[in-house]
All heavy atoms as atom14 arrays in JSON, in Angstrom:
{
  "sequence": "LLMNGTGICGKLKKLPKFLSQLKSLLSPGGQILIDSSDIIYMFDEDE",
  "atom14_mask": [
    [1, 1, 1, 1, 1, 1, 1, 1, 0, 0, 0, 0, 0, 0],
    [1, 1, 1, 1, 1, 1, 1, 1, 0, 0, 0, 0, 0, 0],
    [1, 1, 1, 1, 1, 1, 1, 1, 0, 0, 0, 0, 0, 0],
    [1, 1, 1, 1, 1, 1, 1, 1, 0, 0, 0, 0, 0, 0],
    [1, 1, 1, 1, 0, 0, 0, 0, 0, 0, 0, 0, 0, 0],
    [1, 1, 1, 1, 1, 1, 1, 0, 0, 0, 0, 0, 0, 0],
    [1, 1, 1, 1, 0, 0, 0, 0, 0, 0, 0, 0, 0, 0],
    [1, 1, 1, 1, 1, 1, 1, 1, 0, 0, 0, 0, 0, 0],
    [1, 1, 1, 1, 1, 1, 0, 0, 0, 0, 0, 0, 0, 0],
    [1, 1, 1, 1, 0, 0, 0, 0, 0, 0, 0, 0, 0, 0],
    [1, 1, 1, 1, 1, 1, 1, 1, 1, 0, 0, 0, 0, 0],
    [1, 1, 1, 1, 1, 1, 1, 1, 0, 0, 0, 0, 0, 0],
    [1, 1, 1, 1, 1, 1, 1, 1, 1, 0, 0, 0, 0, 0],
    [1, 1, 1, 1, 1, 1, 1, 1, 1, 0, 0, 0, 0, 0],
    [1, 1, 1, 1, 1, 1, 1, 1, 0, 0, 0, 0, 0, 0],
    [1, 1, 1, 1, 1, 1, 1, 0, 0, 0, 0, 0, 0, 0],
    [1, 1, 1, 1, 1, 1, 1, 1, 1, 0, 0, 0, 0, 0],
    [1, 1, 1, 1, 1, 1, 1, 1, 1, 1, 1, 0, 0, 0],
    [1, 1, 1, 1, 1, 1, 1, 1, 0, 0, 0, 0, 0, 0],
    [1, 1, 1, 1, 1, 1, 0, 0, 0, 0, 0, 0, 0, 0],
    [1, 1, 1, 1, 1, 1, 1, 1, 1, 0, 0, 0, 0, 0],
    [1, 1, 1, 1, 1, 1, 1, 1, 0, 0, 0, 0, 0, 0],
    [1, 1, 1, 1, 1, 1, 1, 1, 1, 0, 0, 0, 0, 0],
    [1, 1, 1, 1, 1, 1, 0, 0, 0, 0, 0, 0, 0, 0],
    [1, 1, 1, 1, 1, 1, 1, 1, 0, 0, 0, 0, 0, 0],
    [1, 1, 1, 1, 1, 1, 1, 1, 0, 0, 0, 0, 0, 0],
    [1, 1, 1, 1, 1, 1, 0, 0, 0, 0, 0, 0, 0, 0],
    [1, 1, 1, 1, 1, 1, 1, 0, 0, 0, 0, 0, 0, 0],
    [1, 1, 1, 1, 0, 0, 0, 0, 0, 0, 0, 0, 0, 0],
    [1, 1, 1, 1, 0, 0, 0, 0, 0, 0, 0, 0, 0, 0],
    [1, 1, 1, 1, 1, 1, 1, 1, 1, 0, 0, 0, 0, 0],
    [1, 1, 1, 1, 1, 1, 1, 1, 0, 0, 0, 0, 0, 0],
    [1, 1, 1, 1, 1, 1, 1, 1, 0, 0, 0, 0, 0, 0],
    [1, 1, 1, 1, 1, 1, 1, 1, 0, 0, 0, 0, 0, 0],
    [1, 1, 1, 1, 1, 1, 1, 1, 0, 0, 0, 0, 0, 0],
    [1, 1, 1, 1, 1, 1, 0, 0, 0, 0, 0, 0, 0, 0],
    [1, 1, 1, 1, 1, 1, 0, 0, 0, 0, 0, 0, 0, 0],
    [1, 1, 1, 1, 1, 1, 1, 1, 0, 0, 0, 0, 0, 0],
    [1, 1, 1, 1, 1, 1, 1, 1, 0, 0, 0, 0, 0, 0],
    [1, 1, 1, 1, 1, 1, 1, 1, 0, 0, 0, 0, 0, 0],
    [1, 1, 1, 1, 1, 1, 1, 1, 1, 1, 1, 1, 0, 0],
    [1, 1, 1, 1, 1, 1, 1, 1, 0, 0, 0, 0, 0, 0],
    [1, 1, 1, 1, 1, 1, 1, 1, 1, 1, 1, 0, 0, 0],
    [1, 1, 1, 1, 1, 1, 1, 1, 0, 0, 0, 0, 0, 0],
    [1, 1, 1, 1, 1, 1, 1, 1, 1, 0, 0, 0, 0, 0],
    [1, 1, 1, 1, 1, 1, 1, 1, 0, 0, 0, 0, 0, 0],
    [1, 1, 1, 1, 1, 1, 1, 1, 1, 0, 0, 0, 0, 0]
  ],
  "atom14_positions": [
    [[9.93, 4.85, 14.27], [10.66, 3.64, 14.65], [11.83, 4.1, 15.52], [12.9, 4.44, 15.01], [11.17, 2.89, 13.42], [10.1, 2.23, 12.54], [10.15, 2.83, 11.15], [10.33, 0.73, 12.47], [0.0, 0.0, 0.0], [0.0, 0.0, 0.0], [0.0, 0.0, 0.0], [0.0, 0.0, 0.0], [0.0, 0.0, 0.0], [0.0, 0.0, 0.0]],
    [[11.58, 4.13, 16.83], [12.58, 4.68, 17.74], [13.19, 3.59, 18.62], [12.7, 2.48, 18.66], [11.96, 5.8, 18.59], [11.42, 6.99, 17.78], [10.79, 8.03, 18.71], [12.51, 7.63, 16.92], [0.0, 0.0, 0.0], [0.0, 0.0, 0.0], [0.0, 0.0, 0.0], [0.0, 0.0, 0.0], [0.0, 0.0, 0.0], [0.0, 0.0, 0.0]],
    [[14.24, 3.94, 19.35], [15.03, 2.99, 20.15], [15.64, 1.92, 19.23], [15.38, 0.73, 19.36], [14.19, 2.32, 21.23], [13.84, 3.25, 22.38], [13.06, 2.37, 23.75], [14.46, 1.49, 24.45], [0.0, 0.0, 0.0], [0.0, 0.0, 0.0], [0.0, 0.0, 0.0], [0.0, 0.0, 0.0], [0.0, 0.0, 0.0], [0.0, 0.0, 0.0]],
    [[16.48, 2.37, 18.31], [17.06, 1.55, 17.24], [15.97, 0.89, 16.39], [15.81, -0.32, 16.37], [18.03, 0.5, 17.76], [18.8, -0.13, 16.6], [19.33, 0.56, 15.76], [18.82, -1.44, 16.52], [0.0, 0.0, 0.0], [0.0, 0.0, 0.0], [0.0, 0.0, 0.0], [0.0, 0.0, 0.0], [0.0, 0.0, 0.0], [0.0, 0.0, 0.0]],
    [[15.24, 1.76, 15.7], [14.14, 1.3, 14.86], [14.52, 0.33, 13.75], [13.71, -0.46, 13.3], [0.0, 0.0, 0.0], [0.0, 0.0, 0.0], [0.0, 0.0, 0.0], [0.0, 0.0, 0.0], [0.0, 0.0, 0.0], [0.0, 0.0, 0.0], [0.0, 0.0, 0.0], [0.0, 0.0, 0.0], [0.0, 0.0, 0.0], [0.0, 0.0, 0.0]],
    [[15.79, 0.37, 13.31], [16.21, -0.56, 12.26], [16.32, -1.98, 12.81], [16.36, -2.94, 12.06], [17.58, -0.17, 11.66], [18.57, -0.2, 12.69], [17.52, 1.21, 11.03], [0.0, 0.0, 0.0], [0.0, 0.0, 0.0], [0.0, 0.0, 0.0], [0.0, 0.0, 0.0], [0.0, 0.0, 0.0], [0.0, 0.0, 0.0], [0.0, 0.0, 0.0]],
    [[16.37, -2.11, 14.14], [16.54, -3.43, 14.76], [15.49, -4.42, 14.33], [15.78, -5.6, 14.08], [0.0, 0.0, 0.0], [0.0, 0.0, 0.0], [0.0, 0.0, 0.0], [0.0, 0.0, 0.0], [0.0, 0.0, 0.0], [0.0, 0.0, 0.0], [0.0, 0.0, 0.0], [0.0, 0.0, 0.0], [0.0, 0.0, 0.0], [0.0, 0.0, 0.0]],
    [[14.25, -3.94, 14.21], [13.11, -4.79, 13.86], [13.34, -5.51, 12.53], [12.87, -6.63, 12.32], [11.82, -3.94, 13.78], [11.5, -3.35, 15.16], [10.63, -4.73, 13.26], [10.39, -2.32, 15.16], [0.0, 0.0, 0.0], [0.0, 0.0, 0.0], [0.0, 0.0, 0.0], [0.0, 0.0, 0.0], [0.0, 0.0, 0.0], [0.0, 0.0, 0.0]],
    [[14.1, -4.88, 11.65], [14.37, -5.47, 10.32], [15.14, -6.8, 10.45], [14.92, -7.72, 9.67], [15.17, -4.47, 9.49], [15.52, -5.03, 7.83], [0.0, 0.0, 0.0], [0.0, 0.0, 0.0], [0.0, 0.0, 0.0], [0.0, 0.0, 0.0], [0.0, 0.0, 0.0], [0.0, 0.0, 0.0], [0.0, 0.0, 0.0], [0.0, 0.0, 0.0]],
    [[16.02, -6.89, 11.45], [16.7, -8.15, 11.75], [17.95, -8.44, 10.95], [19.02, -8.65, 11.5], [0.0, 0.0, 0.0], [0.0, 0.0, 0.0], [0.0, 0.0, 0.0], [0.0, 0.0, 0.0], [0.0, 0.0, 0.0], [0.0, 0.0, 0.0], [0.0, 0.0, 0.0], [0.0, 0.0, 0.0], [0.0, 0.0, 0.0], [0.0, 0.0, 0.0]],
    [[17.83, -8.44, 9.62], [18.96, -8.77, 8.74], [19.02, -7.76, 7.59], [17.99, -7.31, 7.1], [18.78, -10.16, 8.13], [18.87, -11.3, 9.15], [20.3, -11.72, 9.35], [20.42, -12.95, 10.22], [21.79, -13.18, 10.66], [0.0, 0.0, 0.0], [0.0, 0.0, 0.0], [0.0, 0.0, 0.0], [0.0, 0.0, 0.0], [0.0, 0.0, 0.0]],
    [[20.22, -7.47, 7.14], [20.41, -6.5, 6.05], [19.67, -6.93, 4.78], [19.09, -6.1, 4.08], [21.9, -6.34, 5.76], [22.28, -5.18, 4.83], [21.92, -3.84, 5.47], [23.76, -5.21, 4.49], [0.0, 0.0, 0.0], [0.0, 0.0, 0.0], [0.0, 0.0, 0.0], [0.0, 0.0, 0.0], [0.0, 0.0, 0.0], [0.0, 0.0, 0.0]],
    [[19.65, -8.23, 4.51], [18.99, -8.72, 3.28], [17.48, -8.47, 3.29], [16.82, -8.48, 2.25], [19.29, -10.2, 3.05], [18.69, -11.12, 4.09], [19.06, -12.58, 3.84], [18.44, -13.48, 4.91], [18.97, -14.84, 4.85], [0.0, 0.0, 0.0], [0.0, 0.0, 0.0], [0.0, 0.0, 0.0], [0.0, 0.0, 0.0], [0.0, 0.0, 0.0]],
    [[16.92, -8.26, 4.49], [15.48, -7.99, 4.6], [15.14, -6.51, 4.45], [13.98, -6.12, 4.45], [14.96, -8.47, 5.96], [15.01, -9.97, 6.16], [14.42, -10.34, 7.52], [14.42, -11.85, 7.73], [13.95, -12.19, 9.1], [0.0, 0.0, 0.0], [0.0, 0.0, 0.0], [0.0, 0.0, 0.0], [0.0, 0.0, 0.0], [0.0, 0.0, 0.0]],
    [[16.19, -5.67, 4.34], [15.98, -4.22, 4.34], [15.09, -3.73, 3.17], [14.21, -2.9, 3.4], [17.33, -3.5, 4.34], [17.34, -2.01, 4.68], [16.66, -1.73, 6.02], [18.78, -1.48, 4.71], [0.0, 0.0, 0.0], [0.0, 0.0, 0.0], [0.0, 0.0, 0.0], [0.0, 0.0, 0.0], [0.0, 0.0, 0.0], [0.0, 0.0, 0.0]],
    [[15.28, -4.22, 1.93], [14.4, -3.76, 0.84], [12.91, -4.0, 1.12], [12.08, -3.12, 0.92], [14.88, -4.57, -0.37], [16.31, -4.88, -0.06], [16.36, -5.09, 1.42], [0.0, 0.0, 0.0], [0.0, 0.0, 0.0], [0.0, 0.0, 0.0], [0.0, 0.0, 0.0], [0.0, 0.0, 0.0], [0.0, 0.0, 0.0], [0.0, 0.0, 0.0]],
    [[12.59, -5.19, 1.63], [11.19, -5.52, 1.93], [10.67, -4.65, 3.08], [9.53, -4.18, 3.07], [11.09, -7.01, 2.3], [9.69, -7.56, 2.27], [9.68, -9.05, 2.52], [8.25, -9.57, 2.62], [8.22, -10.99, 3.03], [0.0, 0.0, 0.0], [0.0, 0.0, 0.0], [0.0, 0.0, 0.0], [0.0, 0.0, 0.0], [0.0, 0.0, 0.0]],
    [[11.51, -4.43, 4.07], [11.21, -3.6, 5.24], [10.88, -2.17, 4.8], [9.85, -1.61, 5.18], [12.44, -3.64, 6.15], [12.38, -2.82, 7.41], [11.72, -3.29, 8.54], [13.04, -1.6, 7.5], [11.71, -2.55, 9.73], [13.03, -0.86, 8.68], [12.35, -1.34, 9.79], [0.0, 0.0, 0.0], [0.0, 0.0, 0.0], [0.0, 0.0, 0.0]],
    [[11.74, -1.6, 3.96], [11.55, -0.23, 3.49], [10.34, -0.12, 2.55], [9.6, 0.86, 2.58], [12.81, 0.27, 2.79], [14.02, 0.49, 3.7], [15.27, 0.78, 2.89], [13.77, 1.63, 4.69], [0.0, 0.0, 0.0], [0.0, 0.0, 0.0], [0.0, 0.0, 0.0], [0.0, 0.0, 0.0], [0.0, 0.0, 0.0], [0.0, 0.0, 0.0]],
    [[10.16, -1.14, 1.73], [9.02, -1.16, 0.8], [7.69, -1.16, 1.57], [6.74, -0.47, 1.21], [9.14, -2.4, -0.09], [7.99, -2.53, -0.87], [0.0, 0.0, 0.0], [0.0, 0.0, 0.0], [0.0, 0.0, 0.0], [0.0, 0.0, 0.0], [0.0, 0.0, 0.0], [0.0, 0.0, 0.0], [0.0, 0.0, 0.0], [0.0, 0.0, 0.0]],
    [[7.65, -1.93, 2.66], [6.44, -1.97, 3.49], [6.19, -0.62, 4.17], [5.07, -0.12, 4.21], [6.55, -3.1, 4.53], [5.44, -3.15, 5.56], [4.05, -3.43, 4.99], [3.88, -3.62, 3.79], [3.05, -3.45, 5.86], [0.0, 0.0, 0.0], [0.0, 0.0, 0.0], [0.0, 0.0, 0.0], [0.0, 0.0, 0.0], [0.0, 0.0, 0.0]],
    [[7.26, -0.01, 4.69], [7.13, 1.31, 5.31], [6.59, 2.32, 4.3], [5.69, 3.1, 4.6], [8.48, 1.78, 5.85], [8.99, 1.12, 7.12], [10.42, 1.56, 7.42], [8.09, 1.45, 8.32], [0.0, 0.0, 0.0], [0.0, 0.0, 0.0], [0.0, 0.0, 0.0], [0.0, 0.0, 0.0], [0.0, 0.0, 0.0], [0.0, 0.0, 0.0]],
    [[7.16, 2.27, 3.11], [6.75, 3.19, 2.04], [5.27, 3.03, 1.7], [4.56, 4.01, 1.47], [7.63, 2.92, 0.8], [7.46, 3.9, -0.33], [8.41, 3.52, -1.45], [8.07, 4.21, -2.75], [8.89, 3.7, -3.86], [0.0, 0.0, 0.0], [0.0, 0.0, 0.0], [0.0, 0.0, 0.0], [0.0, 0.0, 0.0], [0.0, 0.0, 0.0]],
    [[4.79, 1.78, 1.72], [3.38, 1.51, 1.36], [2.41, 2.06, 2.4], [1.22, 2.24, 2.13], [3.16, 0.0, 1.21], [3.1, -0.63, 2.48], [0.0, 0.0, 0.0], [0.0, 0.0, 0.0], [0.0, 0.0, 0.0], [0.0, 0.0, 0.0], [0.0, 0.0, 0.0], [0.0, 0.0, 0.0], [0.0, 0.0, 0.0], [0.0, 0.0, 0.0]],
    [[2.92, 2.33, 3.62], [2.05, 2.84, 4.7], [2.09, 4.37, 4.81], [1.44, 4.96, 5.66], [2.49, 2.24, 6.05], [2.37, 0.72, 6.19], [3.05, 0.25, 7.47], [0.91, 0.27, 6.17], [0.0, 0.0, 0.0], [0.0, 0.0, 0.0], [0.0, 0.0, 0.0], [0.0, 0.0, 0.0], [0.0, 0.0, 0.0], [0.0, 0.0, 0.0]],
    [[2.89, 4.99, 3.93], [3.12, 6.42, 4.03], [2.13, 7.23, 3.2], [1.95, 6.97, 2.01], [4.55, 6.7, 3.55], [5.34, 7.85, 4.18], [5.35, 7.78, 5.69], [6.77, 7.84, 3.65], [0.0, 0.0, 0.0], [0.0, 0.0, 0.0], [0.0, 0.0, 0.0], [0.0, 0.0, 0.0], [0.0, 0.0, 0.0], [0.0, 0.0, 0.0]],
    [[1.52, 8.23, 3.82], [0.64, 9.16, 3.09], [1.5, 10.05, 2.2], [2.7, 10.24, 2.47], [-0.1, 10.07, 4.07], [-0.9, 9.33, 4.94], [0.0, 0.0, 0.0], [0.0, 0.0, 0.0], [0.0, 0.0, 0.0], [0.0, 0.0, 0.0], [0.0, 0.0, 0.0], [0.0, 0.0, 0.0], [0.0, 0.0, 0.0], [0.0, 0.0, 0.0]],
    [[0.92, 10.65, 1.14], [1.68, 11.64, 0.36], [2.16, 12.75, 1.29], [1.4, 13.25, 2.12], [0.64, 12.16, -0.64], [-0.39, 11.08, -0.74], [-0.43, 10.43, 0.62], [0.0, 0.0, 0.0], [0.0, 0.0, 0.0], [0.0, 0.0, 0.0], [0.0, 0.0, 0.0], [0.0, 0.0, 0.0], [0.0, 0.0, 0.0], [0.0, 0.0, 0.0]],
    [[3.43, 13.11, 1.18], [4.0, 14.14, 2.05], [4.35, 13.63, 3.44], [4.73, 14.4, 4.32], [0.0, 0.0, 0.0], [0.0, 0.0, 0.0], [0.0, 0.0, 0.0], [0.0, 0.0, 0.0], [0.0, 0.0, 0.0], [0.0, 0.0, 0.0], [0.0, 0.0, 0.0], [0.0, 0.0, 0.0], [0.0, 0.0, 0.0], [0.0, 0.0, 0.0]],
    [[4.21, 12.32, 3.64], [4.49, 11.72, 4.96], [5.97, 11.51, 5.21], [6.81, 11.67, 4.33], [0.0, 0.0, 0.0], [0.0, 0.0, 0.0], [0.0, 0.0, 0.0], [0.0, 0.0, 0.0], [0.0, 0.0, 0.0], [0.0, 0.0, 0.0], [0.0, 0.0, 0.0], [0.0, 0.0, 0.0], [0.0, 0.0, 0.0], [0.0, 0.0, 0.0]],
    [[6.29, 11.11, 6.45], [7.68, 10.95, 6.86], [7.85, 9.71, 7.74], [6.97, 9.36, 8.52], [8.13, 12.19, 7.64], [7.27, 12.46, 8.87], [7.7, 13.66, 9.69], [8.75, 14.25, 9.46], [6.89, 14.02, 10.69], [0.0, 0.0, 0.0], [0.0, 0.0, 0.0], [0.0, 0.0, 0.0], [0.0, 0.0, 0.0], [0.0, 0.0, 0.0]],
    [[8.99, 9.06, 7.58], [9.39, 7.97, 8.46], [10.54, 8.49, 9.3], [11.56, 8.95, 8.76], [9.86, 6.75, 7.64], [8.75, 6.22, 6.73], [10.37, 5.64, 8.56], [9.25, 5.41, 5.54], [0.0, 0.0, 0.0], [0.0, 0.0, 0.0], [0.0, 0.0, 0.0], [0.0, 0.0, 0.0], [0.0, 0.0, 0.0], [0.0, 0.0, 0.0]],
    [[10.39, 8.48, 10.62], [11.45, 8.94, 11.52], [12.03, 7.71, 12.2], [11.33, 6.99, 12.92], [10.88, 9.91, 12.56], [10.25, 11.18, 11.98], [9.55, 12.0, 13.07], [11.3, 12.04, 11.26], [0.0, 0.0, 0.0], [0.0, 0.0, 0.0], [0.0, 0.0, 0.0], [0.0, 0.0, 0.0], [0.0, 0.0, 0.0], [0.0, 0.0, 0.0]],
    [[13.3, 7.45, 11.93], [13.92, 6.2, 12.37], [15.3, 6.48, 12.95], [16.03, 7.33, 12.44], [13.98, 5.2, 11.17], [14.48, 3.83, 11.6], [14.8, 5.74, 10.01], [14.23, 2.74, 10.54], [0.0, 0.0, 0.0], [0.0, 0.0, 0.0], [0.0, 0.0, 0.0], [0.0, 0.0, 0.0], [0.0, 0.0, 0.0], [0.0, 0.0, 0.0]],
    [[15.63, 5.79, 14.04], [16.97, 5.98, 14.6], [17.72, 4.65, 14.64], [17.13, 3.58, 14.61], [16.91, 6.65, 15.98], [16.25, 5.78, 17.07], [15.94, 4.61, 16.79], [16.06, 6.28, 18.19], [0.0, 0.0, 0.0], [0.0, 0.0, 0.0], [0.0, 0.0, 0.0], [0.0, 0.0, 0.0], [0.0, 0.0, 0.0], [0.0, 0.0, 0.0]],
    [[19.04, 4.78, 14.67], [19.89, 3.59, 14.8], [21.27, 4.04, 15.25], [21.48, 5.22, 15.57], [19.97, 2.83, 13.47], [20.54, 1.54, 13.71], [0.0, 0.0, 0.0], [0.0, 0.0, 0.0], [0.0, 0.0, 0.0], [0.0, 0.0, 0.0], [0.0, 0.0, 0.0], [0.0, 0.0, 0.0], [0.0, 0.0, 0.0], [0.0, 0.0, 0.0]],
    [[22.21, 3.1, 15.29], [23.59, 3.4, 15.66], [24.53, 2.67, 14.74], [24.23, 1.56, 14.29], [23.88, 2.93, 17.1], [23.05, 3.56, 18.02], [0.0, 0.0, 0.0], [0.0, 0.0, 0.0], [0.0, 0.0, 0.0], [0.0, 0.0, 0.0], [0.0, 0.0, 0.0], [0.0, 0.0, 0.0], [0.0, 0.0, 0.0], [0.0, 0.0, 0.0]],
    [[25.66, 3.31, 14.46], [26.74, 2.65, 13.72], [27.63, 1.99, 14.76], [28.38, 2.67, 15.47], [27.51, 3.68, 12.9], [28.59, 3.03, 12.05], [28.81, 1.8, 12.19], [29.24, 3.74, 11.27], [0.0, 0.0, 0.0], [0.0, 0.0, 0.0], [0.0, 0.0, 0.0], [0.0, 0.0, 0.0], [0.0, 0.0, 0.0], [0.0, 0.0, 0.0]],
    [[27.55, 0.65, 14.88], [28.27, -0.03, 15.98], [29.7, -0.44, 15.6], [30.29, -1.27, 16.28], [27.47, -1.23, 16.52], [27.24, -2.29, 15.42], [26.16, -0.77, 17.13], [26.74, -3.62, 15.99], [0.0, 0.0, 0.0], [0.0, 0.0, 0.0], [0.0, 0.0, 0.0], [0.0, 0.0, 0.0], [0.0, 0.0, 0.0], [0.0, 0.0, 0.0]],
    [[30.24, 0.17, 14.56], [31.63, -0.14, 14.17], [32.59, 0.1, 15.35], [33.61, -0.57, 15.49], [32.05, 0.7, 12.92], [33.38, 0.2, 12.33], [32.13, 2.18, 13.23], [33.27, -1.05, 11.53], [0.0, 0.0, 0.0], [0.0, 0.0, 0.0], [0.0, 0.0, 0.0], [0.0, 0.0, 0.0], [0.0, 0.0, 0.0], [0.0, 0.0, 0.0]],
    [[32.23, 1.03, 16.24], [33.11, 1.37, 17.37], [33.3, 0.18, 18.33], [34.22, 0.18, 19.13], [32.54, 2.57, 18.15], [31.3, 2.27, 18.96], [31.39, 1.86, 20.29], [30.03, 2.37, 18.4], [30.26, 1.56, 21.04], [28.9, 2.08, 19.14], [29.02, 1.67, 20.45], [27.9, 1.38, 21.17], [0.0, 0.0, 0.0], [0.0, 0.0, 0.0]],
    [[32.41, -0.82, 18.25], [32.5, -1.95, 19.18], [33.54, -2.99, 18.75], [33.81, -3.94, 19.48], [31.13, -2.63, 19.32], [30.11, -1.73, 19.99], [28.53, -2.55, 20.34], [29.0, -3.6, 21.73], [0.0, 0.0, 0.0], [0.0, 0.0, 0.0], [0.0, 0.0, 0.0], [0.0, 0.0, 0.0], [0.0, 0.0, 0.0], [0.0, 0.0, 0.0]],
    [[34.11, -2.79, 17.57], [35.09, -3.76, 17.07], [36.51, -3.25, 17.27], [36.77, -2.05, 17.25], [34.82, -4.06, 15.59], [33.49, -4.72, 15.36], [32.35, -3.97, 15.1], [33.35, -6.1, 15.45], [31.11, -4.57, 14.93], [32.12, -6.72, 15.28], [31.0, -5.95, 15.01], [0.0, 0.0, 0.0], [0.0, 0.0, 0.0], [0.0, 0.0, 0.0]],
    [[37.42, -4.18, 17.46], [38.82, -3.84, 17.76], [39.53, -3.25, 16.54], [39.28, -3.67, 15.4], [39.59, -5.09, 18.21], [39.06, -5.63, 19.52], [38.58, -4.83, 20.33], [39.12, -6.86, 19.72], [0.0, 0.0, 0.0], [0.0, 0.0, 0.0], [0.0, 0.0, 0.0], [0.0, 0.0, 0.0], [0.0, 0.0, 0.0], [0.0, 0.0, 0.0]],
    [[40.43, -2.33, 16.8], [41.26, -1.76, 15.73], [42.58, -2.51, 15.65], [43.12, -2.96, 16.66], [41.56, -0.28, 16.02], [40.42, 0.64, 15.7], [40.82, 2.11, 15.7], [42.01, 2.39, 15.91], [39.95, 2.96, 15.49], [0.0, 0.0, 0.0], [0.0, 0.0, 0.0], [0.0, 0.0, 0.0], [0.0, 0.0, 0.0], [0.0, 0.0, 0.0]],
    [[43.11, -2.62, 14.43], [44.47, -3.17, 14.3], [45.46, -2.0, 14.31], [45.09, -0.85, 14.46], [44.6, -4.02, 13.02], [44.29, -3.24, 11.76], [44.47, -2.0, 11.78], [43.89, -3.85, 10.75], [0.0, 0.0, 0.0], [0.0, 0.0, 0.0], [0.0, 0.0, 0.0], [0.0, 0.0, 0.0], [0.0, 0.0, 0.0], [0.0, 0.0, 0.0]],
    [[46.77, -2.32, 14.13], [47.81, -1.27, 14.23], [47.61, -0.15, 13.22], [48.01, 0.99, 13.46], [49.21, -1.87, 14.05], [49.68, -2.72, 15.2], [49.5, -4.21, 14.94], [49.69, -4.64, 13.79], [49.16, -4.93, 15.9], [0.0, 0.0, 0.0], [0.0, 0.0, 0.0], [0.0, 0.0, 0.0], [0.0, 0.0, 0.0], [0.0, 0.0, 0.0]]
  ]
}
């Protein structure tokens, strides 16, 4: 899941279902490679 793979999830509340589905598709010893960004930097700082 590349190019902000978490984006597809849409909302934080959907994350458990999203991860559960990914897990169900994983072979034993398999891996999920996912990227994202912490966009906290886009918000203004106070004093």
